[in-house]
Protein backbone atom coordinates (compact mmCIF):
# COMPACT_ATOMS: atom_id res chain seq x y z
CA UNK A 1 -19.53 4.63 6.64
CA UNK A 2 -18.13 3.87 3.49
CA UNK A 3 -14.90 1.99 3.24
CA UNK A 4 -12.74 2.01 0.20
CA UNK A 5 -12.03 -1.49 -1.29
CA UNK A 6 -8.95 -0.82 -1.98
CA UNK A 7 -7.66 0.27 0.59
CA UNK A 8 -9.65 -1.56 3.16
CA UNK A 9 -8.38 -5.19 1.85
CA UNK A 10 -5.96 -6.05 4.71
CA UNK A 11 -3.01 -7.03 2.71
CA UNK A 12 -3.58 -3.54 0.87
CA UNK A 13 -4.07 -2.39 3.80
CA UNK A 14 -0.10 -3.16 5.53
CA UNK A 15 0.41 -2.71 1.58
CA UNK A 16 -0.98 1.25 2.10
CA UNK A 17 0.71 1.07 6.31
CA UNK A 18 3.90 0.66 5.52
CA UNK A 19 4.51 2.18 2.22
CA UNK A 20 3.02 5.27 3.62
CA UNK A 21 5.05 5.07 6.87
CA UNK A 22 8.59 3.51 5.24
CA UNK A 23 8.42 5.39 1.62
CA UNK A 24 9.78 3.85 -1.40
CA UNK A 25 10.16 -0.13 -1.24
CA UNK A 26 11.93 -2.93 -2.43
CA UNK A 27 9.36 -5.60 -3.22
CA UNK A 28 11.78 -8.02 -1.54
CA UNK A 29 11.80 -5.89 1.27
CA UNK A 30 7.65 -5.36 1.02
CA UNK A 31 7.72 -9.28 1.22
CA UNK A 32 9.49 -9.92 3.66
CA UNK A 33 8.02 -7.74 6.18
CA UNK A 34 4.39 -8.01 5.38
CA UNK A 35 5.52 -11.68 4.53
CA UNK A 36 3.15 -12.11 1.44
CA UNK A 37 3.68 -15.10 -0.98
CA UNK A 38 5.67 -13.24 -4.79
CA UNK A 39 2.08 -13.25 -6.88
CA UNK A 40 0.09 -12.22 -4.38
CA UNK A 41 2.22 -8.87 -3.19
CA UNK A 42 2.39 -9.23 -7.58
CA UNK A 43 -1.12 -8.97 -7.54
CA UNK A 44 -2.04 -6.28 -4.56
CA UNK A 45 -0.12 -4.17 -5.90
CA UNK A 46 -0.64 -4.18 -10.21
CA UNK A 47 -4.52 -3.04 -8.12
CA UNK A 48 -3.47 -0.38 -6.50
CA UNK A 49 -0.87 0.54 -9.65
CA UNK A 50 -3.95 0.43 -11.19
CA UNK A 51 -6.01 3.02 -9.41
CA UNK A 52 -3.33 5.00 -9.73
CA UNK A 53 -2.19 4.68 -6.05
CA UNK A 54 1.65 3.52 -5.86
CA UNK A 55 4.59 4.62 -8.24
CA UNK A 56 6.69 1.24 -9.89
CA UNK A 57 10.04 1.50 -10.62
CA UNK A 58 11.86 -0.72 -12.57
CA UNK A 59 15.96 -0.27 -13.05
CA UNK A 60 19.06 -2.10 -13.29
CA UNK A 61 21.26 -1.96 -9.77
CA UNK A 62 24.49 -4.05 -10.46
CA UNK A 63 23.02 -5.66 -13.74
CA UNK A 64 19.87 -6.79 -11.41
CA UNK A 65 17.18 -5.93 -11.39
CA UNK A 66 14.61 -4.10 -9.33
CA UNK A 67 11.64 -3.66 -8.46
CA UNK A 68 10.27 -0.65 -6.22
CA UNK A 69 7.21 1.00 -5.36
CA UNK A 70 5.84 4.13 -3.55
CA UNK A 71 2.59 5.46 -2.87
CA UNK A 72 2.10 8.28 -4.88
CA UNK A 73 0.40 11.58 -3.51
CA UNK A 74 -3.14 9.83 -4.66
CA UNK A 75 -2.59 6.32 -2.18
CA UNK A 76 -1.69 8.79 0.31
CA UNK A 77 -4.64 11.05 -0.09
CA UNK A 78 -6.82 7.81 0.46
CA UNK A 79 -5.38 6.24 2.99
CA UNK A 80 -5.25 9.33 5.17
CA UNK A 81 -8.80 9.65 4.03
CA UNK A 82 -9.03 5.15 5.40
CA UNK A 83 -7.78 6.37 9.05
CA UNK A 84 -10.16 8.97 8.80
CA UNK A 85 -13.17 7.04 9.11
CA UNK A 86 -11.66 4.16 10.89
CA UNK A 87 -10.36 7.26 13.43
CA UNK A 88 -14.37 8.07 13.55
CA UNK A 89 -16.08 5.05 14.16
CA UNK A 90 -14.09 4.75 17.02
CA UNK A 91 -15.23 8.00 17.88
CA UNK A 92 -18.53 7.58 17.69
CA UNK A 93 -18.36 4.10 19.63
CA UNK A 94 -16.87 6.03 22.44
CA UNK A 95 -19.92 7.85 22.58
């Protein structure tokens, strides 16, 4: 069984799961929900963005910068494939 290392890494798996279930999310909300540092979150989001798994939107709201993230179709697909791999692993354990 092969796991996609982009998705399987624990922090990124949390990001994938959160964005999958919550949709578009702001940087501060994601940081708070996952209890990670800004640098750690930015680094992982950057890897996901480079792999075309997350869309990043930067805009100004009330003259303040706001960055939001959302899984792309590819990101959703990769997360669903990862869940399928985990389910297959569990099924194999059950016999």
